[in-house]
Amino acid sequence: MLLHSRSLRGQYYGPTGTPMDPRESKPTVSTRRTFIQSAALAVGLPLVAACAPTSPPVPTATPGRPLAATPQATQAAPAPTQAPTPRPNTTPAAASAAKSPLLPTYVSASGGPKPDFASAGVLYEDGFINYPANPNKALPDAPPGLGNAVTSFNVGLYPPPTSLDSNPAWQEVNRQLNADVQFNIVANPGDYPAKLATLMAGGDLPDLLYLQRGLNAAPNLPLFLQNQCADLSPYLSGDAARDYPFLAAIPTFAWQNAGCVATGRLQMVPIERYAPGTALFKNQTIYDQEIGKDYVPKNADDFKRILQQLNRPQENRWATAAYASSASQSLLGTAFHVDFYAAMFGAPNTWGVEADGKLIRSLETEEFKAAVSYVRDLVGLGLFSPNVLNYNINSARADFIAGRWVVYPEGFGNPWNDFWRRGLQQNPPVNFLVIPPFPAQDGGKPTHYLSVGYQATTALKKAAPDRIKELLRIMNWLAAPFGSKEDLLLTAGIQDVDYHMDERGNPVLTDRGNQDANYVPWKYIVQHPQVMYVPDIPDYAKTLYAAEHVLIPAGVSDPTLGYYSAAQSAKGLSINQAFTDGITDVIAGRRPMSDFDQLVKDWQANGGNEIRTEYADAISASR
């Protein structure tokens, strides 16, 4: 799994600038790491950055460069796409819940290793070509725990780890923490909602509780947090967070977007992730040869023309594809990635704000309707793989890697490094690179839907102040920065048992490294801010650095992030899924396009209007 975090080389410093005892940190290793896609992992996070870029300028793409001459390119151009005039972008990249004074004061750690590619701002990440040399301890030798047991409820996003009694890495983490950390892991992510509901109803809570969608993880969650979970405000709000410097180094947007402030209290700690969301990827070998290196489509019609040029069903190769997903896994879980195309047409990212200040759901807009019509046309032209309705993420990714199609919307970060690595194992190797966003119409603004900026949150069971402080010290230790010995232990395990160092100083996992370290869900309690570091993919950090500088400037976010809607928690998934199923049939040609408007009305009547009202009231109350 790709770990993104702010990293420091050499001596580590706390928020006050005072040197701290060097702390152990671990490299983020993905050499043999298995990526497990899940709804939770699909959530991308923005990253913190305090430094100006020091790397070379990012090369600019060439919109509308002439296509390479091929027989297909000489076909008559299709009729112009009738797209609505894009609405103003009212939800820019940094938009989210109003900043609460209860949030921790953000203070980035300083004095550590210099990145090869320095973050350019709050939503960007530092990039490292190799693991920082001579990792130091980031924390004092005095352990954070008091010798007590600590229980944590988590979801199984990886295969099961090696059990504690035969896991030297887990034992060493517990020794350094001076705590007996035990996990209750829900092995099947699909069982998580029911298991969480049972836990919440039973009242016998673990010390640490993983909440997959933050404030909207379960119905009535704010009331549950108020009644059964610790108020973290005295310990983490404002400058109090300086007592836990690596929790204070988690970017503010992650706390905001996850809704960590609820019922007038700070109630959760976020697990931050990268900012870019779903991007359009190309098989570089085929695309550059047949379309042109660095060619960026000018508009929706130009993109359709490119897809027609790439489409070769007689050779068992199609232009594009997508995988089926439920509404819990994406903005709208269809088999056709309609959310990606909706961004191209300028629809809002989930929710938008109209000129009069009213909230509008993306599916209610003319831009979204135009995107559905456009994708329906692409399907009707036979440009999607005929297996598109049967693919899941794994089977689709395998066929993309095998060259069964050429361009494909997929997730930035962890998904990208998975299929890219597997592409490099092909003969000949294949690179998969981002095609920059482009608008549906000439003169439009390219739009990219940013991710929510967090993977989940952790709440703490109510306890005496000394116990809460102990748990927060343990979490602060688990958030040790990239490049520290602590993080190296958490990520890679024990040297010469779970990993060895290569000639460039990068940890390479042994056959037991994943099971001993990476599969133990430490990072699903809390983790340092993200970094771009995957040493076994050539130019990984450089390439992602360049991609971020294309995607993030075009980014828009969801203005309802960080707010709670009881109707969304109770009805959101079911009404979204019903709409998803309906437009999947429309796009596939099994229902007429004229059914679209009724599908929207059904969504509104069955809970959508109620959700809108609740979000609007919550936003208004925060001002």
Foldseek 3Di string as FASTA:
>chain_A
DAFFFAFFADWKAFLVRDTAAWAAAQFFEDQPPDAFDDLLVQFFAFFFFDDAWDDDDFDDFDEPDFFDDDVLLPDDFDDAQDFDDFDDFPFAQLFAFDDDLLAFQAGAMDNGDDAPTGFHGGRGTGAHQFAHPPFIRHHDQDALFDQEEAEEEEEQRDAAFDDPVPFQLLVVLCVSNSYRYDYDYHDDNVCVLVVVVVQLVVLPDTQKYWQQQACLSFFPSLVSLVPWFDFCSVQGRYHNVSVLRQLSNGDPLQQQLSQCQGPNGRFWRFAFRHWFHKFKKFFCVLCCVRTNPSYFYAALSSVLSSQSSQQDVVVLAAAEWAAADACSRALFGALQPLVQLLLQSNFAQQWDAHPVRAIDGSLPDSSSLSSLVSLLVCVVVVRYRPCSHVHHPVVRLVCVLVRSHTMYIDTPDPVQVVSQVVQVVDVPRTGMAGRFFHHNDRPDAGAGEIGSGGSIIMGGTDDDPVVVSSVSSSLSLLADRRSRRSNSSQNFNDEPPQWHADPSRHTDGDPNRCSNHVSPVSSSSYYHTTHQYHNVRPCRRVRVSSVCVRHSNNYGYDNLRNPDASLCSVPVSVLSRQLSVVSSCCSNVVDPSVCSVVSVVVSCVRRVVSRSVRSSVRSVVSD
